[in-house]
Amino acid sequence: MKSLFRSKLSKVALFIVPLALCLGGSTAVKAGDRDTLPLGAVGILDDRTESAQGYLKVYSSTDEFKEGDARYFPHTSYVIYTIDGKLFKNVRNHRSADDEIPELVSLPVGSYRVVARSLRGGYVRVLIVIKEDQETVLDLDLWETMT
């Protein structure tokens, strides 16, 4: 008798708890966000996936910078957009005018669109995928010779 009662109670609980989450007022908000996210619509947030990061290095075109007799070629800035077209980040892509190494940018795992200037093709838009703990390298001039 008790096992039948527990079985029915479990089924009712499995139905009521998700329903309460969907219809209840529970929301999750990240600091700085203006949008709220109803928990019932997507489930409980997982801290591990929230903090999953990957890295991006973009070899964009370079500008010439002269300092005395020395010439430097820092990489030009670029912009990262979310897949739905919202501005995510402007990247300077060098620390100083004599820095010729592109910046390594940490990004949450996901897909993005990069708009950057290449040497031969002018401004290009490239879809990239950032994977957890991996460095994605985008060499625009190498990419152009391959396509």
N, C-alpha and C. Protein backbone atom coordinates (compact mmCIF):
# COMPACT_ATOMS: atom_id res chain seq x y z
N MET A 1 0.83 -1.20 0.00
CA MET A 1 0.00 0.00 0.00
C MET A 1 0.87 1.25 0.00
N LYS A 2 1.95 1.23 0.83
CA LYS A 2 2.81 2.40 0.91
C LYS A 2 3.52 2.65 -0.42
N SER A 3 3.95 1.59 -1.13
CA SER A 3 4.67 1.78 -2.38
C SER A 3 3.76 2.39 -3.45
N LEU A 4 2.48 2.04 -3.48
CA LEU A 4 1.53 2.63 -4.42
C LEU A 4 1.34 4.11 -4.11
N PHE A 5 1.22 4.44 -2.83
CA PHE A 5 1.07 5.82 -2.41
C PHE A 5 2.31 6.63 -2.80
N ARG A 6 3.51 6.09 -2.55
CA ARG A 6 4.76 6.79 -2.89
C ARG A 6 4.88 6.97 -4.40
N SER A 7 4.46 5.98 -5.16
CA SER A 7 4.53 6.06 -6.61
C SER A 7 3.65 7.20 -7.13
N LYS A 8 2.42 7.29 -6.63
CA LYS A 8 1.52 8.36 -7.06
C LYS A 8 2.02 9.72 -6.59
N LEU A 9 2.57 9.79 -5.38
CA LEU A 9 3.10 11.03 -4.85
C LEU A 9 4.30 11.50 -5.71
N SER A 10 5.13 10.56 -6.12
CA SER A 10 6.28 10.91 -6.96
C SER A 10 5.83 11.46 -8.31
N LYS A 11 4.82 10.84 -8.91
CA LYS A 11 4.32 11.30 -10.21
C LYS A 11 3.72 12.70 -10.09
N VAL A 12 2.99 12.95 -9.02
CA VAL A 12 2.39 14.26 -8.82
C VAL A 12 3.50 15.31 -8.62
N ALA A 13 4.52 14.97 -7.84
CA ALA A 13 5.62 15.90 -7.59
C ALA A 13 6.37 16.20 -8.88
N LEU A 14 6.57 15.18 -9.71
CA LEU A 14 7.27 15.39 -10.98
C LEU A 14 6.48 16.30 -11.92
N PHE A 15 5.18 16.36 -11.76
CA PHE A 15 4.36 17.23 -12.58
C PHE A 15 4.27 18.64 -11.99
N ILE A 16 4.10 18.75 -10.68
CA ILE A 16 3.85 20.03 -10.04
C ILE A 16 5.12 20.89 -9.96
N VAL A 17 6.25 20.32 -9.66
CA VAL A 17 7.48 21.11 -9.48
C VAL A 17 7.86 21.85 -10.77
N PRO A 18 7.95 21.19 -11.93
CA PRO A 18 8.26 21.96 -13.15
C PRO A 18 7.20 22.99 -13.50
N LEU A 19 5.92 22.63 -13.25
CA LEU A 19 4.84 23.56 -13.52
C LEU A 19 4.96 24.80 -12.65
N ALA A 20 5.29 24.61 -11.38
CA ALA A 20 5.46 25.74 -10.47
C ALA A 20 6.62 26.62 -10.90
N LEU A 21 7.70 26.01 -11.38
CA LEU A 21 8.84 26.80 -11.85
C LEU A 21 8.48 27.61 -13.08
N CYS A 22 7.69 27.03 -13.97
CA CYS A 22 7.29 27.74 -15.19
C CYS A 22 6.34 28.89 -14.89
N LEU A 23 5.39 28.67 -14.03
CA LEU A 23 4.36 29.66 -13.76
C LEU A 23 4.72 30.60 -12.62
N GLY A 24 5.65 30.19 -11.79
CA GLY A 24 6.05 31.02 -10.66
C GLY A 24 6.83 32.23 -11.12
N GLY A 25 7.17 33.09 -10.19
CA GLY A 25 7.88 34.32 -10.52
C GLY A 25 9.39 34.19 -10.44
N SER A 26 9.95 33.01 -10.40
CA SER A 26 11.40 32.85 -10.26
C SER A 26 12.13 33.36 -11.48
N THR A 27 13.15 34.17 -11.24
CA THR A 27 13.99 34.66 -12.33
C THR A 27 15.43 34.62 -11.91
N ALA A 28 16.31 34.60 -12.90
CA ALA A 28 17.75 34.68 -12.64
C ALA A 28 18.29 35.86 -13.40
N VAL A 29 19.09 36.68 -12.74
CA VAL A 29 19.64 37.85 -13.36
C VAL A 29 21.13 37.89 -13.11
N LYS A 30 21.92 38.10 -14.16
CA LYS A 30 23.36 38.28 -14.02
C LYS A 30 23.62 39.75 -13.74
N ALA A 31 24.64 40.05 -12.98
CA ALA A 31 24.98 41.43 -12.68
C ALA A 31 25.23 42.19 -13.97
N GLY A 32 24.62 43.35 -14.09
CA GLY A 32 24.81 44.18 -15.27
C GLY A 32 23.79 43.92 -16.37
N ASP A 33 23.07 42.81 -16.30
CA ASP A 33 22.06 42.51 -17.32
C ASP A 33 20.78 43.27 -17.01
N ARG A 34 20.12 43.71 -18.07
CA ARG A 34 18.82 44.34 -17.90
C ARG A 34 17.71 43.33 -18.15
N ASP A 35 18.04 42.27 -18.85
CA ASP A 35 17.04 41.26 -19.17
C ASP A 35 16.98 40.23 -18.06
N THR A 36 15.78 39.74 -17.80
CA THR A 36 15.62 38.66 -16.84
C THR A 36 15.33 37.39 -17.60
N LEU A 37 15.65 36.29 -16.98
CA LEU A 37 15.50 34.99 -17.62
C LEU A 37 14.65 34.10 -16.72
N PRO A 38 13.45 33.71 -17.14
CA PRO A 38 12.65 32.83 -16.29
C PRO A 38 13.31 31.46 -16.21
N LEU A 39 13.49 30.98 -14.98
CA LEU A 39 14.17 29.70 -14.78
C LEU A 39 13.40 28.54 -15.38
N GLY A 40 12.10 28.56 -15.28
CA GLY A 40 11.31 27.44 -15.77
C GLY A 40 11.41 27.24 -17.27
N ALA A 41 11.73 28.30 -17.99
CA ALA A 41 11.78 28.19 -19.44
C ALA A 41 13.01 27.42 -19.92
N VAL A 42 14.11 27.50 -19.18
CA VAL A 42 15.32 26.83 -19.63
C VAL A 42 15.91 25.86 -18.63
N GLY A 43 15.38 25.81 -17.46
CA GLY A 43 15.93 24.94 -16.43
C GLY A 43 16.86 25.72 -15.51
N ILE A 44 17.43 25.03 -14.58
CA ILE A 44 18.31 25.67 -13.61
C ILE A 44 19.66 25.94 -14.26
N LEU A 45 20.23 27.12 -13.98
CA LEU A 45 21.50 27.50 -14.57
C LEU A 45 22.63 26.66 -13.99
N ASP A 46 23.55 26.25 -14.84
CA ASP A 46 24.69 25.44 -14.45
C ASP A 46 25.92 26.32 -14.41
N ASP A 47 26.56 26.48 -13.22
CA ASP A 47 27.71 27.35 -13.08
C ASP A 47 28.85 26.92 -13.99
N ARG A 48 29.01 25.63 -14.24
CA ARG A 48 30.12 25.15 -15.06
C ARG A 48 29.99 25.65 -16.49
N THR A 49 28.78 25.61 -17.05
CA THR A 49 28.61 26.08 -18.42
C THR A 49 28.62 27.60 -18.49
N GLU A 50 28.19 28.27 -17.42
CA GLU A 50 28.21 29.72 -17.39
C GLU A 50 29.64 30.24 -17.47
N SER A 51 30.59 29.53 -16.86
CA SER A 51 31.95 30.02 -16.81
C SER A 51 32.86 29.38 -17.85
N ALA A 52 32.32 28.55 -18.73
CA ALA A 52 33.14 27.91 -19.75
C ALA A 52 33.72 28.97 -20.69
N GLN A 53 35.03 28.99 -20.82
CA GLN A 53 35.71 30.01 -21.59
C GLN A 53 36.61 29.38 -22.65
N GLY A 54 36.80 30.11 -23.72
CA GLY A 54 37.76 29.77 -24.74
C GLY A 54 38.51 31.04 -25.11
N TYR A 55 39.36 30.97 -26.12
CA TYR A 55 40.22 32.10 -26.43
C TYR A 55 40.24 32.36 -27.93
N LEU A 56 40.44 33.63 -28.27
CA LEU A 56 40.48 34.04 -29.67
C LEU A 56 41.69 34.93 -29.91
N LYS A 57 42.41 34.64 -30.99
CA LYS A 57 43.51 35.49 -31.43
C LYS A 57 43.29 35.76 -32.92
N VAL A 58 43.21 37.06 -33.28
CA VAL A 58 42.93 37.46 -34.65
C VAL A 58 44.14 38.17 -35.23
N TYR A 59 44.66 37.61 -36.32
CA TYR A 59 45.74 38.25 -37.07
C TYR A 59 45.08 39.13 -38.14
N SER A 60 44.72 40.33 -37.73
CA SER A 60 44.11 41.28 -38.65
C SER A 60 45.23 42.00 -39.41
N SER A 61 44.85 42.94 -40.28
CA SER A 61 45.86 43.70 -41.01
C SER A 61 46.70 44.49 -40.02
N THR A 62 47.80 45.04 -40.49
CA THR A 62 48.68 45.82 -39.62
C THR A 62 48.80 47.24 -40.14
N ASP A 63 49.06 48.15 -39.24
CA ASP A 63 49.36 49.54 -39.59
C ASP A 63 50.83 49.77 -39.30
N GLU A 64 51.46 50.61 -40.08
CA GLU A 64 52.87 50.92 -39.85
C GLU A 64 53.00 52.04 -38.83
N PHE A 65 53.91 51.85 -37.89
CA PHE A 65 54.20 52.85 -36.86
C PHE A 65 55.71 53.04 -36.83
N LYS A 66 56.15 54.29 -36.96
CA LYS A 66 57.58 54.59 -36.96
C LYS A 66 57.96 55.29 -35.66
N GLU A 67 59.07 54.84 -35.10
CA GLU A 67 59.62 55.48 -33.91
C GLU A 67 61.12 55.62 -34.14
N GLY A 68 61.53 56.81 -34.55
CA GLY A 68 62.93 57.00 -34.95
C GLY A 68 63.20 56.21 -36.22
N ASP A 69 64.22 55.36 -36.16
CA ASP A 69 64.56 54.51 -37.30
C ASP A 69 63.79 53.19 -37.28
N ALA A 70 63.15 52.91 -36.18
CA ALA A 70 62.43 51.62 -36.04
C ALA A 70 61.03 51.72 -36.64
N ARG A 71 60.60 50.62 -37.24
CA ARG A 71 59.25 50.52 -37.79
C ARG A 71 58.55 49.34 -37.11
N TYR A 72 57.31 49.57 -36.71
CA TYR A 72 56.51 48.53 -36.06
C TYR A 72 55.21 48.37 -36.84
N PHE A 73 54.63 47.18 -36.73
CA PHE A 73 53.40 46.87 -37.45
C PHE A 73 52.38 46.25 -36.50
N PRO A 74 51.73 47.07 -35.66
CA PRO A 74 50.69 46.53 -34.76
C PRO A 74 49.45 46.13 -35.55
N HIS A 75 48.78 45.09 -35.06
CA HIS A 75 47.54 44.63 -35.71
C HIS A 75 46.41 45.61 -35.45
N THR A 76 45.53 45.74 -36.43
CA THR A 76 44.41 46.68 -36.32
C THR A 76 43.31 46.11 -35.42
N SER A 77 42.51 47.01 -34.92
CA SER A 77 41.40 46.65 -34.04
C SER A 77 40.32 45.88 -34.81
N TYR A 78 39.48 45.17 -34.06
CA TYR A 78 38.35 44.46 -34.67
C TYR A 78 37.19 44.43 -33.69
N VAL A 79 36.05 43.98 -34.17
CA VAL A 79 34.83 43.96 -33.37
C VAL A 79 34.27 42.55 -33.34
N ILE A 80 33.77 42.16 -32.16
CA ILE A 80 33.12 40.86 -31.99
C ILE A 80 31.63 41.10 -31.74
N TYR A 81 30.79 40.40 -32.52
CA TYR A 81 29.35 40.48 -32.36
C TYR A 81 28.82 39.11 -31.94
N THR A 82 27.73 39.11 -31.20
CA THR A 82 27.06 37.85 -30.90
C THR A 82 26.43 37.34 -32.19
N ILE A 83 26.00 36.12 -32.18
CA ILE A 83 25.43 35.51 -33.38
C ILE A 83 24.14 36.21 -33.82
N ASP A 84 23.45 36.87 -32.89
CA ASP A 84 22.22 37.59 -33.25
C ASP A 84 22.49 39.06 -33.59
N GLY A 85 23.78 39.43 -33.74
CA GLY A 85 24.12 40.76 -34.24
C GLY A 85 24.37 41.84 -33.20
N LYS A 86 24.36 41.50 -31.92
CA LYS A 86 24.60 42.50 -30.88
C LYS A 86 26.10 42.67 -30.66
N LEU A 87 26.52 43.91 -30.45
CA LEU A 87 27.92 44.19 -30.18
C LEU A 87 28.33 43.50 -28.88
N PHE A 88 29.39 42.70 -28.94
CA PHE A 88 29.88 42.00 -27.75
C PHE A 88 31.14 42.66 -27.21
N LYS A 89 32.10 42.97 -28.10
CA LYS A 89 33.35 43.53 -27.62
C LYS A 89 34.13 44.19 -28.74
N ASN A 90 34.73 45.34 -28.44
CA ASN A 90 35.71 45.97 -29.32
C ASN A 90 37.09 45.54 -28.83
N VAL A 91 37.93 45.07 -29.74
CA VAL A 91 39.26 44.60 -29.35
C VAL A 91 40.30 45.49 -30.01
N ARG A 92 41.15 46.09 -29.21
CA ARG A 92 42.19 46.98 -29.72
C ARG A 92 43.24 46.19 -30.51
N ASN A 93 43.54 45.00 -30.09
CA ASN A 93 44.41 44.02 -30.74
C ASN A 93 45.90 44.32 -30.64
N HIS A 94 46.27 45.22 -29.78
CA HIS A 94 47.68 45.46 -29.44
C HIS A 94 47.71 46.30 -28.17
N ARG A 95 48.78 46.14 -27.41
CA ARG A 95 48.89 46.88 -26.13
C ARG A 95 49.44 48.29 -26.33
N SER A 96 50.37 48.42 -27.27
CA SER A 96 50.96 49.73 -27.57
C SER A 96 51.28 49.77 -29.06
N ALA A 97 51.69 50.94 -29.54
CA ALA A 97 51.94 51.11 -30.97
C ALA A 97 53.09 50.24 -31.47
N ASP A 98 54.00 49.86 -30.57
CA ASP A 98 55.12 49.01 -31.00
C ASP A 98 54.90 47.52 -30.70
N ASP A 99 53.68 47.17 -30.31
CA ASP A 99 53.33 45.77 -30.01
C ASP A 99 52.82 45.10 -31.28
N GLU A 100 53.54 44.10 -31.78
CA GLU A 100 53.15 43.43 -33.02
C GLU A 100 52.46 42.09 -32.79
N ILE A 101 52.17 41.76 -31.55
CA ILE A 101 51.53 40.49 -31.23
C ILE A 101 50.04 40.74 -31.00
N PRO A 102 49.17 40.03 -31.72
CA PRO A 102 47.73 40.25 -31.51
C PRO A 102 47.29 39.82 -30.11
N GLU A 103 46.28 40.49 -29.63
CA GLU A 103 45.77 40.25 -28.28
C GLU A 103 45.05 38.91 -28.19
N LEU A 104 45.26 38.20 -27.10
CA LEU A 104 44.53 36.96 -26.82
C LEU A 104 43.31 37.33 -25.99
N VAL A 105 42.12 37.09 -26.54
CA VAL A 105 40.87 37.50 -25.91
C VAL A 105 40.16 36.29 -25.33
N SER A 106 39.72 36.39 -24.09
CA SER A 106 38.95 35.34 -23.44
C SER A 106 37.47 35.59 -23.71
N LEU A 107 36.77 34.55 -24.18
CA LEU A 107 35.35 34.67 -24.52
C LEU A 107 34.57 33.49 -23.97
N PRO A 108 33.30 33.70 -23.62
CA PRO A 108 32.46 32.56 -23.27
C PRO A 108 32.29 31.64 -24.47
N VAL A 109 32.15 30.37 -24.21
CA VAL A 109 31.96 29.38 -25.27
C VAL A 109 30.73 29.76 -26.10
N GLY A 110 30.85 29.63 -27.42
CA GLY A 110 29.72 29.94 -28.29
C GLY A 110 30.17 30.38 -29.66
N SER A 111 29.21 30.84 -30.45
CA SER A 111 29.48 31.31 -31.81
C SER A 111 29.43 32.83 -31.84
N TYR A 112 30.31 33.40 -32.64
CA TYR A 112 30.41 34.86 -32.76
C TYR A 112 30.69 35.23 -34.21
N ARG A 113 30.49 36.50 -34.52
CA ARG A 113 30.85 37.04 -35.82
C ARG A 113 31.92 38.09 -35.57
N VAL A 114 33.07 37.95 -36.27
CA VAL A 114 34.17 38.89 -36.14
C VAL A 114 34.20 39.76 -37.39
N VAL A 115 34.30 41.07 -37.18
CA VAL A 115 34.47 42.01 -38.29
C VAL A 115 35.84 42.65 -38.10
N ALA A 116 36.73 42.40 -39.08
CA ALA A 116 38.10 42.88 -38.98
C ALA A 116 38.61 43.27 -40.35
N ARG A 117 39.71 44.00 -40.36
CA ARG A 117 40.31 44.42 -41.62
C ARG A 117 41.44 43.48 -41.99
N SER A 118 41.43 42.99 -43.23
CA SER A 118 42.51 42.15 -43.72
C SER A 118 43.37 42.98 -44.66
N LEU A 119 44.56 42.49 -44.95
CA LEU A 119 45.47 43.24 -45.81
C LEU A 119 44.95 43.35 -47.24
N ARG A 120 44.43 42.27 -47.76
CA ARG A 120 44.02 42.24 -49.17
C ARG A 120 42.54 42.46 -49.40
N GLY A 121 41.71 42.07 -48.46
CA GLY A 121 40.27 42.07 -48.71
C GLY A 121 39.49 43.18 -48.07
N GLY A 122 40.15 44.13 -47.43
CA GLY A 122 39.40 45.17 -46.72
C GLY A 122 38.72 44.57 -45.50
N TYR A 123 37.56 45.10 -45.14
CA TYR A 123 36.84 44.58 -43.98
C TYR A 123 36.12 43.28 -44.35
N VAL A 124 36.29 42.28 -43.49
CA VAL A 124 35.65 40.99 -43.71
C VAL A 124 34.86 40.60 -42.47
N ARG A 125 33.84 39.77 -42.68
CA ARG A 125 33.04 39.21 -41.58
C ARG A 125 33.26 37.71 -41.58
N VAL A 126 33.63 37.19 -40.42
CA VAL A 126 33.92 35.76 -40.32
C VAL A 126 33.17 35.19 -39.12
N LEU A 127 32.48 34.09 -39.33
CA LEU A 127 31.80 33.38 -38.26
C LEU A 127 32.81 32.47 -37.57
N ILE A 128 32.91 32.55 -36.25
CA ILE A 128 33.84 31.71 -35.50
C ILE A 128 33.10 30.97 -34.40
N VAL A 129 33.71 29.88 -33.93
CA VAL A 129 33.16 29.11 -32.82
C VAL A 129 34.24 29.02 -31.75
N ILE A 130 33.89 29.41 -30.55
CA ILE A 130 34.80 29.34 -29.40
C ILE A 130 34.45 28.09 -28.62
N LYS A 131 35.45 27.22 -28.41
CA LYS A 131 35.26 25.99 -27.65
C LYS A 131 35.97 26.10 -26.31
N GLU A 132 35.47 25.36 -25.35
CA GLU A 132 36.00 25.43 -23.98
C GLU A 132 37.49 25.08 -23.93
N ASP A 133 38.25 25.96 -23.28
CA ASP A 133 39.69 25.79 -23.05
C ASP A 133 40.51 25.64 -24.33
N GLN A 134 39.99 26.12 -25.46
CA GLN A 134 40.74 26.04 -26.72
C GLN A 134 40.97 27.43 -27.27
N GLU A 135 42.10 27.59 -27.97
CA GLU A 135 42.42 28.86 -28.61
C GLU A 135 42.03 28.78 -30.08
N THR A 136 41.18 29.69 -30.52
CA THR A 136 40.80 29.80 -31.92
C THR A 136 41.67 30.88 -32.54
N VAL A 137 42.38 30.54 -33.60
CA VAL A 137 43.25 31.50 -34.28
C VAL A 137 42.63 31.83 -35.63
N LEU A 138 42.44 33.12 -35.86
CA LEU A 138 41.87 33.59 -37.11
C LEU A 138 42.93 34.44 -37.81
N ASP A 139 43.55 33.89 -38.83
CA ASP A 139 44.55 34.60 -39.63
C ASP A 139 43.85 35.00 -40.92
N LEU A 140 43.46 36.25 -41.00
CA LEU A 140 42.61 36.70 -42.11
C LEU A 140 43.29 36.59 -43.46
N ASP A 141 44.56 36.87 -43.55
CA ASP A 141 45.24 36.79 -44.85
C ASP A 141 45.50 35.35 -45.24
N LEU A 142 45.76 34.48 -44.30
CA LEU A 142 45.87 33.05 -44.61
C LEU A 142 44.52 32.53 -45.05
N TRP A 143 43.45 32.96 -44.37
CA TRP A 143 42.09 32.54 -44.69
C TRP A 143 41.72 32.95 -46.11
N GLU A 144 42.16 34.17 -46.51
CA GLU A 144 41.83 34.65 -47.86
C GLU A 144 42.50 33.83 -48.94
N THR A 145 43.73 33.35 -48.68
CA THR A 145 44.43 32.58 -49.71
C THR A 145 43.83 31.19 -49.85
N MET A 146 43.13 30.73 -48.83
CA MET A 146 42.54 29.39 -48.85
C MET A 146 41.18 29.39 -49.53
N THR A 147 40.50 30.54 -49.58
CA THR A 147 39.15 30.58 -50.15
C THR A 147 39.16 31.02 -51.59
